[in-house]
Amino acid sequence: MTAPVTAAATGSVAGSGIAETIAEPDTSPTAPAPVSAEAPRRRGHLRGRAWGLYLAFAVIALAVLWAVIPGVFAPGDPLTGVPADKLLPPSAAHWFGTDTLGRDLFGRVVHGAVNSLSGALIAVTVGLALGTVLGAIAGAVGGVVDDVLMRVVDVLLAIPGLLLSLSVIILLGFGTVNAALAVGLGSVAAFARLMRAEVARVRRTEYVEAGFGSGGTFFAVLRRHVLPNSLTPIVALAALQFGTAILAISTLGFLGYGAPPPTPEWGLLIAEGRNYVGTAWWLTALPGLIVVAVVLSANRISHRIGRNAR
């Protein structure tokens, strides 16, 4: 009587084991990995970000070409116009319309790129050079030197950037170069603080300690190991400051502290059309869109460089 019961129990156990074996997923190395439903969406997101980066580079490259060879894109004279063609809306003949003197606005925007971009380049160079030197000295030497330099930097950070730029322009005088120098001096503090933090971080790494332990001098280790490994975030900040400098110089030009009329400068072009917003919107809107596009493109490139640095 017990044999049939045992056989039945054995059969049920075997059947249960077979069911578990069939239900158990194959986890062997040869089994294909399950495809997540989020993978196509993630790939599309990354592809969109890549296209955004390509577009940012294209905008910056176009602006640089405008500054280098403006005659190729706008052959006419940006300072002369036809009075009969004043305040014409955008058309095939005048892509950005004309201003109050009949001058082609697109040509003035193209020829104004050299003033805005060169001013931004000067500003970034001044801030990068002075800020990097001050930050490197503070982070490398430390002690009292670090405290003194950082307190000076804190004072610069406490002053609003526009107010500091206006104060420097009042001392130096008006003009694109003086406005660029003023904006550059206002950005010294940001470069100095970042450079000081990076140098202080790199100095604590093992390969720097190994460099000192192998007999390397202070300046040799600083030149070979510390500075090269501290500059990538500075480059990202420089790209960000390039867009910020364009915006600041355009703001100073809008307020009348930049290039004098009739010089084609982006901020000045926006200021010249502010009295005609209701009747000739293109005088302020289209140069303003160019400034926004260039600044956003510089910020996008800076963000990408910063991510690579991390």
C-alpha atoms as a PDB file:
ATOM      1  CA  MET A   1       0.000   0.000   0.000  1.00  0.00           C
ATOM      2  CA  THR A   2       2.840   2.316   0.584  1.00  0.00           C
ATOM      3  CA  ALA A   3       4.496   1.843  -2.822  1.00  0.00           C
ATOM      4  CA  PRO A   4       1.825   3.614  -4.880  1.00  0.00           C
ATOM      5  CA  VAL A   5       1.788   6.506  -2.435  1.00  0.00           C
ATOM      6  CA  THR A   6       5.554   6.830  -2.634  1.00  0.00           C
ATOM      7  CA  ALA A   7       5.518   6.723  -6.398  1.00  0.00           C
ATOM      8  CA  ALA A   8       2.814   9.315  -6.562  1.00  0.00           C
ATOM      9  CA  ALA A   9       4.710  11.568  -4.193  1.00  0.00           C
ATOM     10  CA  THR A  10       7.877  11.065  -6.182  1.00  0.00           C
ATOM     11  CA  GLY A  11       6.041  11.899  -9.388  1.00  0.00           C
ATOM     12  CA  SER A  12       4.559  15.042  -7.910  1.00  0.00           C
ATOM     13  CA  VAL A  13       7.948  16.171  -6.666  1.00  0.00           C
ATOM     14  CA  ALA A  14       9.542  15.467 -10.024  1.00  0.00           C
ATOM     15  CA  GLY A  15       6.752  17.290 -11.795  1.00  0.00           C
ATOM     16  CA  SER A  16       7.195  20.230  -9.474  1.00  0.00           C
ATOM     17  CA  GLY A  17      10.951  20.259 -10.147  1.00  0.00           C
ATOM     18  CA  ILE A  18      10.334  20.163 -13.909  1.00  0.00           C
ATOM     19  CA  ALA A  19       7.890  23.053 -13.607  1.00  0.00           C
ATOM     20  CA  GLU A  20      10.368  25.073 -11.595  1.00  0.00           C
ATOM     21  CA  THR A  21      13.085  24.306 -14.137  1.00  0.00           C
ATOM     22  CA  ILE A  22      10.876  25.439 -16.997  1.00  0.00           C
ATOM     23  CA  ALA A  23       9.756  28.572 -15.162  1.00  0.00           C
ATOM     24  CA  GLU A  24      13.285  29.533 -14.119  1.00  0.00           C
ATOM     25  CA  PRO A  25      14.803  32.055 -16.578  1.00  0.00           C
ATOM     26  CA  ASP A  26      18.008  31.203 -18.362  1.00  0.00           C
ATOM     27  CA  THR A  27      20.814  33.119 -16.670  1.00  0.00           C
ATOM     28  CA  SER A  28      23.679  31.495 -18.528  1.00  0.00           C
ATOM     29  CA  PRO A  29      26.279  33.808 -20.143  1.00  0.00           C
ATOM     30  CA  THR A  30      25.002  32.892 -23.607  1.00  0.00           C
ATOM     31  CA  ALA A  31      21.462  34.098 -22.899  1.00  0.00           C
ATOM     32  CA  PRO A  32      20.661  37.486 -24.534  1.00  0.00           C
ATOM     33  CA  ALA A  33      20.312  40.383 -22.129  1.00  0.00           C
ATOM     34  CA  PRO A  34      16.797  41.819 -21.826  1.00  0.00           C
ATOM     35  CA  VAL A  35      16.332  45.050 -23.749  1.00  0.00           C
ATOM     36  CA  SER A  36      15.006  47.890 -21.632  1.00  0.00           C
ATOM     37  CA  ALA A  37      12.130  49.948 -22.943  1.00  0.00           C
ATOM     38  CA  GLU A  38      14.033  53.066 -21.900  1.00  0.00           C
ATOM     39  CA  ALA A  39      17.040  52.297 -24.114  1.00  0.00           C
ATOM     40  CA  PRO A  40      15.623  53.766 -27.374  1.00  0.00           C
ATOM     41  CA  ARG A  41      14.466  56.859 -25.513  1.00  0.00           C
ATOM     42  CA  ARG A  42      17.889  57.272 -23.904  1.00  0.00           C
ATOM     43  CA  ARG A  43      19.632  56.909 -27.246  1.00  0.00           C
ATOM     44  CA  GLY A  44      17.318  59.502 -28.766  1.00  0.00           C
ATOM     45  CA  HIS A  45      18.043  61.867 -25.876  1.00  0.00           C
ATOM     46  CA  LEU A  46      21.798  61.465 -26.308  1.00  0.00           C
ATOM     47  CA  ARG A  47      21.453  61.959 -30.056  1.00  0.00           C
ATOM     48  CA  GLY A  48      19.504  65.172 -29.460  1.00  0.00           C
ATOM     49  CA  ARG A  49      22.183  66.437 -27.077  1.00  0.00           C
ATOM     50  CA  ALA A  50      24.867  65.688 -29.652  1.00  0.00           C
ATOM     51  CA  TRP A  51      22.975  67.628 -32.302  1.00  0.00           C
ATOM     52  CA  GLY A  52      22.618  70.507 -29.845  1.00  0.00           C
ATOM     53  CA  LEU A  53      26.381  70.525 -29.344  1.00  0.00           C
ATOM     54  CA  TYR A  54      26.996  70.466 -33.108  1.00  0.00           C
ATOM     55  CA  LEU A  55      24.586  73.366 -33.537  1.00  0.00           C
ATOM     56  CA  ALA A  56      26.393  75.330 -30.820  1.00  0.00           C
ATOM     57  CA  PHE A  57      29.730  74.836 -32.565  1.00  0.00           C
ATOM     58  CA  ALA A  58      28.143  75.873 -35.871  1.00  0.00           C
ATOM     59  CA  VAL A  59      26.794  79.098 -34.361  1.00  0.00           C
ATOM     60  CA  ILE A  60      30.157  79.997 -32.814  1.00  0.00           C
ATOM     61  CA  ALA A  61      31.977  79.149 -36.061  1.00  0.00           C
ATOM     62  CA  LEU A  62      29.600  81.342 -38.057  1.00  0.00           C
ATOM     63  CA  ALA A  63      30.069  84.245 -35.654  1.00  0.00           C
ATOM     64  CA  VAL A  64      33.854  83.874 -35.896  1.00  0.00           C
ATOM     65  CA  LEU A  65      33.644  83.867 -39.697  1.00  0.00           C
ATOM     66  CA  TRP A  66      31.571  87.030 -39.544  1.00  0.00           C
ATOM     67  CA  ALA A  67      34.313  88.646 -37.468  1.00  0.00           C
ATOM     68  CA  VAL A  68      37.193  87.418 -39.662  1.00  0.00           C
ATOM     69  CA  ILE A  69      35.745  87.831 -43.166  1.00  0.00           C
ATOM     70  CA  PRO A  70      32.644  90.034 -42.883  1.00  0.00           C
ATOM     71  CA  GLY A  71      32.868  91.161 -46.507  1.00  0.00           C
ATOM     72  CA  VAL A  72      32.047  87.655 -47.726  1.00  0.00           C
ATOM     73  CA  PHE A  73      28.700  87.610 -45.899  1.00  0.00           C
ATOM     74  CA  ALA A  74      27.850  91.325 -46.210  1.00  0.00           C
ATOM     75  CA  PRO A  75      29.753  93.031 -49.041  1.00  0.00           C
ATOM     76  CA  GLY A  76      28.159  96.468 -48.582  1.00  0.00           C
ATOM     77  CA  ASP A  77      29.388  99.331 -46.447  1.00  0.00           C
ATOM     78  CA  PRO A  78      27.772  99.061 -42.994  1.00  0.00           C
ATOM     79  CA  LEU A  79      28.159 102.803 -42.357  1.00  0.00           C
ATOM     80  CA  THR A  80      26.298 104.123 -45.384  1.00  0.00           C
ATOM     81  CA  GLY A  81      22.720 103.622 -46.431  1.00  0.00           C
ATOM     82  CA  VAL A  82      19.994 104.750 -48.784  1.00  0.00           C
ATOM     83  CA  PRO A  83      17.612 107.234 -47.099  1.00  0.00           C
ATOM     84  CA  ALA A  84      14.785 106.137 -49.383  1.00  0.00           C
ATOM     85  CA  ASP A  85      15.067 102.584 -48.003  1.00  0.00           C
ATOM     86  CA  LYS A  86      14.812 103.469 -44.323  1.00  0.00           C
ATOM     87  CA  LEU A  87      12.868 101.227 -41.939  1.00  0.00           C
ATOM     88  CA  LEU A  88      12.196  98.492 -44.470  1.00  0.00           C
ATOM     89  CA  PRO A  89      11.053  95.183 -42.923  1.00  0.00           C
ATOM     90  CA  PRO A  90      13.040  91.965 -43.427  1.00  0.00           C
ATOM     91  CA  SER A  91      12.921  90.755 -47.018  1.00  0.00           C
ATOM     92  CA  ALA A  92      14.990  88.897 -49.602  1.00  0.00           C
ATOM     93  CA  ALA A  93      16.909  92.092 -50.383  1.00  0.00           C
ATOM     94  CA  HIS A  94      17.495  92.988 -46.721  1.00  0.00           C
ATOM     95  CA  TRP A  95      17.428  89.883 -44.528  1.00  0.00           C
ATOM     96  CA  PHE A  96      17.244  91.857 -41.267  1.00  0.00           C
ATOM     97  CA  GLY A  97      15.542  94.927 -42.727  1.00  0.00           C
ATOM     98  CA  THR A  98      16.996  98.437 -42.672  1.00  0.00           C
ATOM     99  CA  ASP A  99      17.459 101.050 -39.959  1.00  0.00           C
ATOM    100  CA  THR A 100      16.434 104.690 -39.732  1.00  0.00           C
ATOM    101  CA  LEU A 101      19.182 105.776 -42.162  1.00  0.00           C
ATOM    102  CA  GLY A 102      18.498 103.073 -44.729  1.00  0.00           C
ATOM    103  CA  ARG A 103      21.494 100.943 -43.755  1.00  0.00           C
ATOM    104  CA  ASP A 104      21.237  97.181 -44.142  1.00  0.00           C
ATOM    105  CA  LEU A 105      20.837  95.783 -40.637  1.00  0.00           C
ATOM    106  CA  PHE A 106      22.196  92.333 -41.505  1.00  0.00           C
ATOM    107  CA  GLY A 107      25.383  93.915 -42.827  1.00  0.00           C
ATOM    108  CA  ARG A 108      25.755  95.952 -39.650  1.00  0.00           C
ATOM    109  CA  VAL A 109      25.239  92.836 -37.500  1.00  0.00           C
ATOM    110  CA  VAL A 110      27.852  90.926 -39.513  1.00  0.00           C
ATOM    111  CA  HIS A 111      30.400  93.750 -39.383  1.00  0.00           C
ATOM    112  CA  GLY A 112      29.632  94.279 -35.700  1.00  0.00           C
ATOM    113  CA  ALA A 113      30.719  90.755 -34.858  1.00  0.00           C
ATOM    114  CA  VAL A 114      34.377  91.763 -34.901  1.00  0.00           C
ATOM    115  CA  ASN A 115      33.818  94.391 -32.200  1.00  0.00           C
ATOM    116  CA  SER A 116      31.732  92.160 -29.931  1.00  0.00           C
ATOM    117  CA  LEU A 117      33.819  88.985 -30.317  1.00  0.00           C
ATOM    118  CA  SER A 118      37.197  90.727 -30.105  1.00  0.00           C
ATOM    119  CA  GLY A 119      36.035  92.550 -26.995  1.00  0.00           C
ATOM    120  CA  ALA A 120      34.883  89.275 -25.446  1.00  0.00           C
ATOM    121  CA  LEU A 121      38.206  87.639 -26.343  1.00  0.00           C
ATOM    122  CA  ILE A 122      40.143  90.459 -24.678  1.00  0.00           C
ATOM    123  CA  ALA A 123      37.949  90.236 -21.593  1.00  0.00           C
ATOM    124  CA  VAL A 124      38.394  86.466 -21.261  1.00  0.00           C
ATOM    125  CA  THR A 125      42.143  86.743 -21.823  1.00  0.00           C
ATOM    126  CA  VAL A 126      42.511  89.373 -19.098  1.00  0.00           C
ATOM    127  CA  GLY A 127      40.404  87.445 -16.610  1.00  0.00           C
ATOM    128  CA  LEU A 128      42.043  84.117 -17.474  1.00  0.00           C
ATOM    129  CA  ALA A 129      45.611  85.419 -17.214  1.00  0.00           C
ATOM    130  CA  LEU A 130      45.267  87.409 -13.999  1.00  0.00           C
ATOM    131  CA  GLY A 131      42.868  85.010 -12.288  1.00  0.00           C
ATOM    132  CA  THR A 132      44.883  81.906 -13.131  1.00  0.00           C
ATOM    133  CA  VAL A 133      48.108  83.436 -11.821  1.00  0.00           C
ATOM    134  CA  LEU A 134      46.507  84.626  -8.585  1.00  0.00           C
ATOM    135  CA  GLY A 135      44.705  81.318  -8.003  1.00  0.00           C
ATOM    136  CA  ALA A 136      47.783  79.229  -8.757  1.00  0.00           C
ATOM    137  CA  ILE A 137      49.908  81.249  -6.341  1.00  0.00           C
ATOM    138  CA  ALA A 138      47.282  81.089  -3.597  1.00  0.00           C
ATOM    139  CA  GLY A 139      46.682  77.355  -3.982  1.00  0.00           C
ATOM    140  CA  ALA A 140      50.329  76.384  -4.334  1.00  0.00           C
ATOM    141  CA  VAL A 141      51.899  78.547  -1.623  1.00  0.00           C
ATOM    142  CA  GLY A 142      49.055  78.572   0.893  1.00  0.00           C
ATOM    143  CA  GLY A 143      49.367  80.127   4.327  1.00  0.00           C
ATOM    144  CA  VAL A 144      49.352  83.898   4.666  1.00  0.00           C
ATOM    145  CA  VAL A 145      49.701  84.423   0.905  1.00  0.00           C
ATOM    146  CA  ASP A 146      46.576  82.367   0.306  1.00  0.00           C
ATOM    147  CA  ASP A 147      44.624  84.296   2.950  1.00  0.00           C
ATOM    148  CA  VAL A 148      45.618  87.713   1.590  1.00  0.00           C
ATOM    149  CA  LEU A 149      44.919  86.894  -2.048  1.00  0.00           C
ATOM    150  CA  MET A 150      41.587  85.251  -1.302  1.00  0.00           C
ATOM    151  CA  ARG A 151      40.441  88.226   0.769  1.00  0.00           C
ATOM    152  CA  VAL A 152      41.184  90.465  -2.214  1.00  0.00           C
ATOM    153  CA  VAL A 153      39.199  88.082  -4.396  1.00  0.00           C
ATOM    154  CA  ASP A 154      36.324  88.156  -1.895  1.00  0.00           C
ATOM    155  CA  VAL A 155      36.231  91.950  -2.144  1.00  0.00           C
ATOM    156  CA  LEU A 156      36.012  91.709  -5.942  1.00  0.00           C
ATOM    157  CA  LEU A 157      33.210  89.160  -5.652  1.00  0.00           C
ATOM    158  CA  ALA A 158      31.295  91.454  -3.297  1.00  0.00           C
ATOM    159  CA  ILE A 159      31.092  94.166  -5.975  1.00  0.00           C
ATOM    160  CA  PRO A 160      28.428  93.624  -8.666  1.00  0.00           C
ATOM    161  CA  GLY A 161      30.025  92.912 -12.018  1.00  0.00           C
ATOM    162  CA  LEU A 162      28.233  95.682 -13.911  1.00  0.00           C
ATOM    163  CA  LEU A 163      29.063  98.254 -11.232  1.00  0.00           C
ATOM    164  CA  LEU A 164      32.723  97.223 -11.274  1.00  0.00           C
ATOM    165  CA  SER A 165      32.817  97.440 -15.080  1.00  0.00           C
ATOM    166  CA  LEU A 166      31.246 100.900 -15.058  1.00  0.00           C
ATOM    167  CA  SER A 167      33.762 102.085 -12.446  1.00  0.00           C
ATOM    168  CA  VAL A 168      36.679 100.870 -14.558  1.00  0.00           C
ATOM    169  CA  ILE A 169      35.243 102.449 -17.717  1.00  0.00           C
ATOM    170  CA  ILE A 170      34.885 105.778 -15.954  1.00  0.00           C
ATOM    171  CA  LEU A 171      38.586 105.610 -15.107  1.00  0.00           C
ATOM    172  CA  LEU A 172      39.769 104.352 -18.521  1.00  0.00           C
ATOM    173  CA  GLY A 173      37.267 106.064 -20.818  1.00  0.00           C
ATOM    174  CA  PHE A 174      34.709 104.808 -23.301  1.00  0.00           C
ATOM    175  CA  GLY A 175      35.367 102.380 -26.146  1.00  0.00           C
ATOM    176  CA  THR A 176      35.226  98.693 -26.974  1.00  0.00           C
ATOM    177  CA  VAL A 177      38.739  97.923 -25.693  1.00  0.00           C
ATOM    178  CA  ASN A 178      38.186  99.739 -22.414  1.00  0.00           C
ATOM    179  CA  ALA A 179      34.840  98.011 -21.982  1.00  0.00           C
ATOM    180  CA  ALA A 180      36.550  94.657 -22.612  1.00  0.00           C
ATOM    181  CA  LEU A 181      39.239  95.431 -20.032  1.00  0.00           C
ATOM    182  CA  ALA A 182      36.565  96.390 -17.529  1.00  0.00           C
ATOM    183  CA  VAL A 183      34.646  93.160 -18.086  1.00  0.00           C
ATOM    184  CA  GLY A 184      37.884  91.160 -17.901  1.00  0.00           C
ATOM    185  CA  LEU A 185      38.838  92.680 -14.556  1.00  0.00           C
ATOM    186  CA  GLY A 186      35.386  91.805 -13.272  1.00  0.00           C
ATOM    187  CA  SER A 187      35.929  88.127 -14.126  1.00  0.00           C
ATOM    188  CA  VAL A 188      39.333  87.797 -12.407  1.00  0.00           C
ATOM    189  CA  ALA A 189      37.759  86.697  -9.132  1.00  0.00           C
ATOM    190  CA  ALA A 190      35.894  83.743 -10.696  1.00  0.00           C
ATOM    191  CA  PHE A 191      39.031  82.424 -12.395  1.00  0.00           C
ATOM    192  CA  ALA A 192      41.138  82.938  -9.251  1.00  0.00           C
ATOM    193  CA  ARG A 193      38.790  81.030  -6.951  1.00  0.00           C
ATOM    194  CA  LEU A 194      38.399  78.108  -9.339  1.00  0.00           C
ATOM    195  CA  MET A 195      42.122  77.874 -10.034  1.00  0.00           C
ATOM    196  CA  ARG A 196      42.958  78.047  -6.343  1.00  0.00           C
ATOM    197  CA  ALA A 197      40.494  75.218  -5.580  1.00  0.00           C
ATOM    198  CA  GLU A 198      41.835  73.017  -8.374  1.00  0.00           C
ATOM    199  CA  VAL A 199      45.491  73.545  -7.413  1.00  0.00           C
ATOM    200  CA  ALA A 200      44.725  72.806  -3.768  1.00  0.00           C
ATOM    201  CA  ARG A 201      42.890  69.612  -4.777  1.00  0.00           C
ATOM    202  CA  VAL A 202      45.615  68.350  -7.115  1.00  0.00           C
ATOM    203  CA  ARG A 203      48.335  69.058  -4.560  1.00  0.00           C
ATOM    204  CA  ARG A 204      46.837  66.424  -2.244  1.00  0.00           C
ATOM    205  CA  THR A 205      46.905  63.630  -4.822  1.00  0.00           C
ATOM    206  CA  GLU A 206      49.285  60.696  -4.556  1.00  0.00           C
ATOM    207  CA  TYR A 207      51.230  61.330  -7.758  1.00  0.00           C
ATOM    208  CA  VAL A 208      52.082  64.856  -6.614  1.00  0.00           C
ATOM    209  CA  GLU A 209      53.313  63.501  -3.296  1.00  0.00           C
ATOM    210  CA  ALA A 210      55.314  60.927  -5.234  1.00  0.00           C
ATOM    211  CA  GLY A 211      56.826  63.698  -7.314  1.00  0.00           C
ATOM    212  CA  PHE A 212      58.010  65.484  -4.189  1.00  0.00           C
ATOM    213  CA  GLY A 213      59.185  62.189  -2.693  1.00  0.00           C
ATOM    214  CA  SER A 214      61.297  61.395  -5.761  1.00  0.00           C
ATOM    215  CA  GLY A 215      63.268  64.602  -5.335  1.00  0.00           C
ATOM    216  CA  GLY A 216      61.239  66.973  -7.508  1.00  0.00           C
ATOM    217  CA  THR A 217      61.482  70.670  -6.671  1.00  0.00           C
ATOM    218  CA  PHE A 218      58.457  72.795  -5.888  1.00  0.00           C
ATOM    219  CA  PHE A 219      58.375  74.582  -9.242  1.00  0.00           C
ATOM    220  CA  ALA A 220      59.129  71.410 -11.207  1.00  0.00           C
ATOM    221  CA  VAL A 221      56.243  69.497  -9.634  1.00  0.00           C
ATOM    222  CA  LEU A 222      53.998  72.518 -10.016  1.00  0.00           C
ATOM    223  CA  ARG A 223      54.834  72.822 -13.722  1.00  0.00           C
ATOM    224  CA  ARG A 224      54.741  69.125 -14.607  1.00  0.00           C
ATOM    225  CA  HIS A 225      51.941  67.751 -12.453  1.00  0.00           C
ATOM    226  CA  VAL A 226      49.834  70.365 -10.681  1.00  0.00           C
ATOM    227  CA  LEU A 227      49.133  72.963 -13.367  1.00  0.00           C
ATOM    228  CA  PRO A 228      48.424  70.592 -16.304  1.00  0.00           C
ATOM    229  CA  ASN A 229      45.890  68.664 -14.210  1.00  0.00           C
ATOM    230  CA  SER A 230      44.179  71.844 -12.983  1.00  0.00           C
ATOM    231  CA  LEU A 231      43.495  73.614 -16.279  1.00  0.00           C
ATOM    232  CA  THR A 232      40.552  71.649 -17.716  1.00  0.00           C
ATOM    233  CA  PRO A 233      37.913  73.283 -15.462  1.00  0.00           C
ATOM    234  CA  ILE A 234      39.556  76.637 -16.207  1.00  0.00           C
ATOM    235  CA  VAL A 235      39.052  76.066 -19.932  1.00  0.00           C
ATOM    236  CA  ALA A 236      35.379  75.272 -19.299  1.00  0.00           C
ATOM    237  CA  LEU A 237      35.030  78.474 -17.282  1.00  0.00           C
ATOM    238  CA  ALA A 238      36.760  80.426 -20.054  1.00  0.00           C
ATOM    239  CA  ALA A 239      34.200  79.157 -22.573  1.00  0.00           C
ATOM    240  CA  LEU A 240      31.416  80.149 -20.200  1.00  0.00           C
ATOM    241  CA  GLN A 241      32.976  83.563 -19.586  1.00  0.00           C
ATOM    242  CA  PHE A 242      33.255  84.111 -23.338  1.00  0.00           C
ATOM    243  CA  GLY A 243      29.479  84.091 -23.643  1.00  0.00           C
ATOM    244  CA  THR A 244      29.112  86.119 -20.452  1.00  0.00           C
ATOM    245  CA  ALA A 245      31.618  88.672 -21.764  1.00  0.00           C
ATOM    246  CA  ILE A 246      29.663  89.069 -25.021  1.00  0.00           C
ATOM    247  CA  LEU A 247      26.524  89.729 -22.997  1.00  0.00           C
ATOM    248  CA  ALA A 248      28.322  92.171 -20.671  1.00  0.00           C
ATOM    249  CA  ILE A 249      29.961  94.102 -23.526  1.00  0.00           C
ATOM    250  CA  SER A 250      26.632  94.262 -25.346  1.00  0.00           C
ATOM    251  CA  THR A 251      25.048  95.587 -22.144  1.00  0.00           C
ATOM    252  CA  LEU A 252      27.707  98.290 -21.835  1.00  0.00           C
ATOM    253  CA  GLY A 253      27.238  99.152 -25.509  1.00  0.00           C
ATOM    254  CA  PHE A 254      23.482  99.369 -24.976  1.00  0.00           C
ATOM    255  CA  LEU A 255      24.049 101.805 -22.098  1.00  0.00           C
ATOM    256  CA  GLY A 256      26.361 103.924 -24.242  1.00  0.00           C
ATOM    257  CA  TYR A 257      29.674 102.964 -22.631  1.00  0.00           C
ATOM    258  CA  GLY A 258      30.995 100.852 -25.481  1.00  0.00           C
ATOM    259  CA  ALA A 259      31.813 101.670 -29.076  1.00  0.00           C
ATOM    260  CA  PRO A 260      30.635 105.127 -30.192  1.00  0.00           C
ATOM    261  CA  PRO A 261      28.139 105.551 -33.063  1.00  0.00           C
ATOM    262  CA  PRO A 262      28.066 104.806 -35.959  1.00  0.00           C
ATOM    263  CA  THR A 263      30.304 101.816 -35.153  1.00  0.00           C
ATOM    264  CA  PRO A 264      28.355  98.583 -35.700  1.00  0.00           C
ATOM    265  CA  GLU A 265      28.396  96.843 -32.333  1.00  0.00           C
ATOM    266  CA  TRP A 266      25.710  94.427 -31.205  1.00  0.00           C
ATOM    267  CA  GLY A 267      24.719  96.237 -28.022  1.00  0.00           C
ATOM    268  CA  LEU A 268      24.739  99.599 -29.759  1.00  0.00           C
ATOM    269  CA  LEU A 269      22.561  98.233 -32.584  1.00  0.00           C
ATOM    270  CA  ILE A 270      19.961  97.133 -30.039  1.00  0.00           C
ATOM    271  CA  ALA A 271      20.115 100.541 -28.354  1.00  0.00           C
ATOM    272  CA  GLU A 272      19.625 102.382 -31.647  1.00  0.00           C
ATOM    273  CA  GLY A 273      16.379 100.526 -32.315  1.00  0.00           C
ATOM    274  CA  ARG A 274      14.799 100.733 -28.868  1.00  0.00           C
ATOM    275  CA  ASN A 275      12.800 103.853 -29.806  1.00  0.00           C
ATOM    276  CA  TYR A 276      11.215 102.024 -32.745  1.00  0.00           C
ATOM    277  CA  VAL A 277      10.073  98.811 -31.061  1.00  0.00           C
ATOM    278  CA  GLY A 278       6.442  99.482 -31.910  1.00  0.00           C
ATOM    279  CA  THR A 279       6.995 100.354 -35.589  1.00  0.00           C
ATOM    280  CA  ALA A 280      10.252  98.539 -36.507  1.00  0.00           C
ATOM    281  CA  TRP A 281      10.584  95.535 -34.194  1.00  0.00           C
ATOM    282  CA  TRP A 282      13.421  94.025 -36.236  1.00  0.00           C
ATOM    283  CA  LEU A 283      15.869  96.746 -35.183  1.00  0.00           C
ATOM    284  CA  THR A 284      16.075  95.311 -31.663  1.00  0.00           C
ATOM    285  CA  ALA A 285      14.704  91.769 -31.996  1.00  0.00           C
ATOM    286  CA  LEU A 286      17.035  90.398 -34.660  1.00  0.00           C
ATOM    287  CA  PRO A 287      20.367  91.692 -33.235  1.00  0.00           C
ATOM    288  CA  GLY A 288      19.130  90.572 -29.814  1.00  0.00           C
ATOM    289  CA  LEU A 289      18.462  87.070 -31.114  1.00  0.00           C
ATOM    290  CA  ILE A 290      22.003  86.920 -32.514  1.00  0.00           C
ATOM    291  CA  VAL A 291      23.422  87.838 -29.109  1.00  0.00           C
ATOM    292  CA  VAL A 292      21.220  85.244 -27.394  1.00  0.00           C
ATOM    293  CA  ALA A 293      22.196  82.517 -29.881  1.00  0.00           C
ATOM    294  CA  VAL A 294      25.930  83.149 -29.490  1.00  0.00           C
ATOM    295  CA  VAL A 295      25.768  83.341 -25.694  1.00  0.00           C
ATOM    296  CA  LEU A 296      23.703  80.156 -25.390  1.00  0.00           C
ATOM    297  CA  SER A 297      26.047  78.343 -27.782  1.00  0.00           C
ATOM    298  CA  ALA A 298      29.079  79.340 -25.726  1.00  0.00           C
ATOM    299  CA  ASN A 299      27.313  78.151 -22.580  1.00  0.00           C
ATOM    300  CA  ARG A 300      26.468  74.815 -24.229  1.00  0.00           C
ATOM    301  CA  ILE A 301      30.089  74.240 -25.223  1.00  0.00           C
ATOM    302  CA  SER A 302      31.242  75.204 -21.740  1.00  0.00           C
ATOM    303  CA  HIS A 303      28.817  72.705 -20.203  1.00  0.00           C
ATOM    304  CA  ARG A 304      30.192  69.949 -22.423  1.00  0.00           C
ATOM    305  CA  ILE A 305      33.795  70.761 -21.509  1.00  0.00           C
ATOM    306  CA  GLY A 306      32.857  70.784 -17.836  1.00  0.00           C
ATOM    307  CA  ARG A 307      31.257  67.334 -18.089  1.00  0.00           C
ATOM    308  CA  ASN A 308      34.372  65.940 -19.758  1.00  0.00           C
ATOM    309  CA  ALA A 309      36.470  67.425 -16.963  1.00  0.00           C
ATOM    310  CA  ARG A 310      34.470  65.464 -14.375  1.00  0.00           C
END
